[in-house]
Amino acid sequence: MMRLGVGGELAGRNTDALEQALSLSRLTLPDLGSDDERQRRIDALAHIEGYMELLREPTAQYMLGEPVRYSFKLVFPDGRWAIDEKQLVGRPHAGDVVEFENFGGWRIESEQRVGVKPAGKAPREFFVCAPAA
């Protein structure tokens, strides 16, 4: 089954756009005539802010423990490298050690984004790993 989601970069751009729109909307609050209209607008902006915070959170936290497929670039000491994928319940971070069948344990050192074609498609994200000592 293929699962589509909003990637981190797209969610970030949406959140930035919403944040700008909220800032502009707050500037118009003093110009509203009635207190009721002002309060309705303030409440609406608060709901949008809550949505904006959800967009900023990593998607995996809201997937109820379902594993997410992550890509890893395994860099060998001699400079060769290999790409592997692993399903994990939580997003890995630098310093974490991930076990790969036939490769053993690998420590995550950084994240790398690689542009893809066609233009406009979200870049691929890899966790760059070195053998765990």
C-alpha atoms as a PDB file:
ATOM      1  CA  MET A   1       0.000   0.000   0.000  1.00  0.00           C
ATOM      2  CA  MET A   2       1.374   3.426  -0.914  1.00  0.00           C
ATOM      3  CA  ARG A   3       0.995   6.132   1.670  1.00  0.00           C
ATOM      4  CA  LEU A   4       1.158   9.812   0.800  1.00  0.00           C
ATOM      5  CA  GLY A   5       1.915  12.472   3.359  1.00  0.00           C
ATOM      6  CA  VAL A   6       2.965  16.045   3.624  1.00  0.00           C
ATOM      7  CA  GLY A   7       6.750  16.114   3.649  1.00  0.00           C
ATOM      8  CA  GLY A   8       8.617  18.266   6.153  1.00  0.00           C
ATOM      9  CA  GLU A   9       9.647  20.859   3.584  1.00  0.00           C
ATOM     10  CA  LEU A  10       6.119  21.319   2.196  1.00  0.00           C
ATOM     11  CA  ALA A  11       4.592  21.494   5.666  1.00  0.00           C
ATOM     12  CA  GLY A  12       7.216  24.103   6.617  1.00  0.00           C
ATOM     13  CA  ARG A  13       6.375  26.265   3.588  1.00  0.00           C
ATOM     14  CA  ASN A  14       2.655  25.984   4.357  1.00  0.00           C
ATOM     15  CA  THR A  15       3.309  26.942   7.958  1.00  0.00           C
ATOM     16  CA  ASP A  16       5.418  29.942   6.937  1.00  0.00           C
ATOM     17  CA  ALA A  17       2.662  31.141   4.601  1.00  0.00           C
ATOM     18  CA  LEU A  18       0.039  30.715   7.331  1.00  0.00           C
ATOM     19  CA  GLU A  19       2.216  32.581   9.804  1.00  0.00           C
ATOM     20  CA  GLN A  20       2.496  35.537   7.420  1.00  0.00           C
ATOM     21  CA  ALA A  21      -1.262  35.535   6.840  1.00  0.00           C
ATOM     22  CA  LEU A  22      -1.892  35.455  10.591  1.00  0.00           C
ATOM     23  CA  SER A  23       0.446  38.397  11.143  1.00  0.00           C
ATOM     24  CA  LEU A  24      -1.404  40.432   8.535  1.00  0.00           C
ATOM     25  CA  SER A  25      -4.782  39.458  10.003  1.00  0.00           C
ATOM     26  CA  ARG A  26      -3.706  40.533  13.492  1.00  0.00           C
ATOM     27  CA  LEU A  27      -2.879  43.986  12.120  1.00  0.00           C
ATOM     28  CA  THR A  28      -6.525  44.453  11.078  1.00  0.00           C
ATOM     29  CA  LEU A  29      -7.979  43.573  14.498  1.00  0.00           C
ATOM     30  CA  PRO A  30      -8.004  47.165  15.845  1.00  0.00           C
ATOM     31  CA  ASP A  31      -9.921  48.306  12.742  1.00  0.00           C
ATOM     32  CA  LEU A  32     -12.860  45.978  13.375  1.00  0.00           C
ATOM     33  CA  GLY A  33     -15.973  47.847  14.487  1.00  0.00           C
ATOM     34  CA  SER A  34     -17.667  45.654  17.055  1.00  0.00           C
ATOM     35  CA  ASP A  35     -16.241  43.768  19.994  1.00  0.00           C
ATOM     36  CA  ASP A  36     -18.154  40.656  18.888  1.00  0.00           C
ATOM     37  CA  GLU A  37     -16.559  40.692  15.439  1.00  0.00           C
ATOM     38  CA  ARG A  38     -13.111  41.289  16.960  1.00  0.00           C
ATOM     39  CA  GLN A  39     -13.555  38.359  19.394  1.00  0.00           C
ATOM     40  CA  ARG A  40     -14.765  36.064  16.585  1.00  0.00           C
ATOM     41  CA  ARG A  41     -11.679  36.958  14.547  1.00  0.00           C
ATOM     42  CA  ILE A  42      -9.378  36.424  17.560  1.00  0.00           C
ATOM     43  CA  ASP A  43     -10.912  32.969  18.139  1.00  0.00           C
ATOM     44  CA  ALA A  44     -10.522  32.049  14.463  1.00  0.00           C
ATOM     45  CA  LEU A  45      -6.877  33.135  14.492  1.00  0.00           C
ATOM     46  CA  ALA A  46      -6.270  31.007  17.603  1.00  0.00           C
ATOM     47  CA  HIS A  47      -7.666  27.942  15.802  1.00  0.00           C
ATOM     48  CA  ILE A  48      -5.445  28.605  12.793  1.00  0.00           C
ATOM     49  CA  GLU A  49      -2.436  28.956  15.114  1.00  0.00           C
ATOM     50  CA  GLY A  50      -3.251  25.518  16.566  1.00  0.00           C
ATOM     51  CA  TYR A  51      -3.328  24.049  13.061  1.00  0.00           C
ATOM     52  CA  MET A  52      -0.046  25.777  12.277  1.00  0.00           C
ATOM     53  CA  GLU A  53       1.575  24.120  15.300  1.00  0.00           C
ATOM     54  CA  LEU A  54       0.375  20.713  14.073  1.00  0.00           C
ATOM     55  CA  LEU A  55       2.085  21.357  10.739  1.00  0.00           C
ATOM     56  CA  ARG A  56       5.335  22.105  12.546  1.00  0.00           C
ATOM     57  CA  GLU A  57       5.261  18.778  14.452  1.00  0.00           C
ATOM     58  CA  PRO A  58       6.855  15.715  12.845  1.00  0.00           C
ATOM     59  CA  THR A  59       4.219  13.643  11.067  1.00  0.00           C
ATOM     60  CA  ALA A  60       5.375  10.375  12.619  1.00  0.00           C
ATOM     61  CA  GLN A  61       4.172  11.453  16.085  1.00  0.00           C
ATOM     62  CA  TYR A  62       0.576  11.403  14.863  1.00  0.00           C
ATOM     63  CA  MET A  63       0.712   8.044  13.099  1.00  0.00           C
ATOM     64  CA  LEU A  64      -0.191   6.090  16.252  1.00  0.00           C
ATOM     65  CA  GLY A  65       2.992   4.077  16.323  1.00  0.00           C
ATOM     66  CA  GLU A  66       2.881   2.932  12.706  1.00  0.00           C
ATOM     67  CA  PRO A  67       6.369   2.466  11.265  1.00  0.00           C
ATOM     68  CA  VAL A  68       7.653   5.002   8.759  1.00  0.00           C
ATOM     69  CA  ARG A  69      10.212   4.128   6.061  1.00  0.00           C
ATOM     70  CA  TYR A  70      13.460   6.123   6.311  1.00  0.00           C
ATOM     71  CA  SER A  71      16.421   6.114   3.913  1.00  0.00           C
ATOM     72  CA  PHE A  72      19.975   5.711   5.171  1.00  0.00           C
ATOM     73  CA  LYS A  73      23.304   6.339   3.452  1.00  0.00           C
ATOM     74  CA  LEU A  74      25.821   3.908   4.956  1.00  0.00           C
ATOM     75  CA  VAL A  75      29.330   5.324   4.455  1.00  0.00           C
ATOM     76  CA  PHE A  76      32.086   2.711   4.771  1.00  0.00           C
ATOM     77  CA  PRO A  77      35.562   3.603   6.128  1.00  0.00           C
ATOM     78  CA  ASP A  78      37.125   3.243   2.647  1.00  0.00           C
ATOM     79  CA  GLY A  79      34.732   5.853   1.171  1.00  0.00           C
ATOM     80  CA  ARG A  80      32.283   3.461  -0.490  1.00  0.00           C
ATOM     81  CA  TRP A  81      28.657   3.866   0.451  1.00  0.00           C
ATOM     82  CA  ALA A  82      25.330   2.075   0.145  1.00  0.00           C
ATOM     83  CA  ILE A  83      21.723   3.126   0.465  1.00  0.00           C
ATOM     84  CA  ASP A  84      19.373   1.114   2.656  1.00  0.00           C
ATOM     85  CA  GLU A  85      15.892   1.662   4.041  1.00  0.00           C
ATOM     86  CA  LYS A  86      14.429   0.761   7.382  1.00  0.00           C
ATOM     87  CA  GLN A  87      10.996   1.148   8.905  1.00  0.00           C
ATOM     88  CA  LEU A  88      11.071   2.776  12.336  1.00  0.00           C
ATOM     89  CA  VAL A  89       8.315   3.864  14.705  1.00  0.00           C
ATOM     90  CA  GLY A  90      10.089   7.127  15.599  1.00  0.00           C
ATOM     91  CA  ARG A  91      12.209   9.525  13.580  1.00  0.00           C
ATOM     92  CA  PRO A  92      15.926   8.839  14.166  1.00  0.00           C
ATOM     93  CA  HIS A  93      18.353  11.545  15.275  1.00  0.00           C
ATOM     94  CA  ALA A  94      22.090  12.180  15.089  1.00  0.00           C
ATOM     95  CA  GLY A  95      23.882   9.878  17.515  1.00  0.00           C
ATOM     96  CA  ASP A  96      21.297   7.082  17.311  1.00  0.00           C
ATOM     97  CA  VAL A  97      22.545   3.619  16.358  1.00  0.00           C
ATOM     98  CA  VAL A  98      20.445   1.712  13.817  1.00  0.00           C
ATOM     99  CA  GLU A  99      20.885  -2.008  13.097  1.00  0.00           C
ATOM    100  CA  PHE A 100      20.805  -3.229   9.474  1.00  0.00           C
ATOM    101  CA  GLU A 101      20.578  -6.862   8.477  1.00  0.00           C
ATOM    102  CA  ASN A 102      23.915  -7.976   6.924  1.00  0.00           C
ATOM    103  CA  PHE A 103      25.555  -4.643   7.888  1.00  0.00           C
ATOM    104  CA  GLY A 104      25.355  -4.491  11.707  1.00  0.00           C
ATOM    105  CA  GLY A 105      25.053  -1.300  13.753  1.00  0.00           C
ATOM    106  CA  TRP A 106      25.461   2.182  12.234  1.00  0.00           C
ATOM    107  CA  ARG A 107      25.593   5.538  14.034  1.00  0.00           C
ATOM    108  CA  ILE A 108      23.669   8.415  12.452  1.00  0.00           C
ATOM    109  CA  GLU A 109      26.003  11.373  11.907  1.00  0.00           C
ATOM    110  CA  SER A 110      23.874  13.821   9.917  1.00  0.00           C
ATOM    111  CA  GLU A 111      21.006  14.318   7.510  1.00  0.00           C
ATOM    112  CA  GLN A 112      21.427  14.937   3.799  1.00  0.00           C
ATOM    113  CA  ARG A 113      18.886  16.264   1.302  1.00  0.00           C
ATOM    114  CA  VAL A 114      19.277  15.436  -2.365  1.00  0.00           C
ATOM    115  CA  GLY A 115      17.356  17.291  -5.065  1.00  0.00           C
ATOM    116  CA  VAL A 116      15.249  15.199  -7.430  1.00  0.00           C
ATOM    117  CA  LYS A 117      13.712  15.651 -10.850  1.00  0.00           C
ATOM    118  CA  PRO A 118      11.235  16.802 -12.017  1.00  0.00           C
ATOM    119  CA  ALA A 119      11.613  20.215 -10.442  1.00  0.00           C
ATOM    120  CA  GLY A 120       9.063  20.921  -7.750  1.00  0.00           C
ATOM    121  CA  LYS A 121       9.195  17.425  -6.316  1.00  0.00           C
ATOM    122  CA  ALA A 122      10.322  17.253  -2.685  1.00  0.00           C
ATOM    123  CA  PRO A 123      14.026  16.411  -2.197  1.00  0.00           C
ATOM    124  CA  ARG A 124      14.970  12.971  -0.888  1.00  0.00           C
ATOM    125  CA  GLU A 125      16.185  12.873   2.679  1.00  0.00           C
ATOM    126  CA  PHE A 126      18.870  10.479   3.881  1.00  0.00           C
ATOM    127  CA  PHE A 127      20.398   9.852   7.269  1.00  0.00           C
ATOM    128  CA  VAL A 128      24.179   9.627   6.778  1.00  0.00           C
ATOM    129  CA  CYS A 129      25.666   6.882   8.923  1.00  0.00           C
ATOM    130  CA  ALA A 130      29.091   5.533   9.867  1.00  0.00           C
ATOM    131  CA  PRO A 131      29.819   2.098  11.341  1.00  0.00           C
ATOM    132  CA  ALA A 132      29.151   2.039  15.076  1.00  0.00           C
ATOM    133  CA  ALA A 133      32.325   1.333  17.016  1.00  0.00           C
END
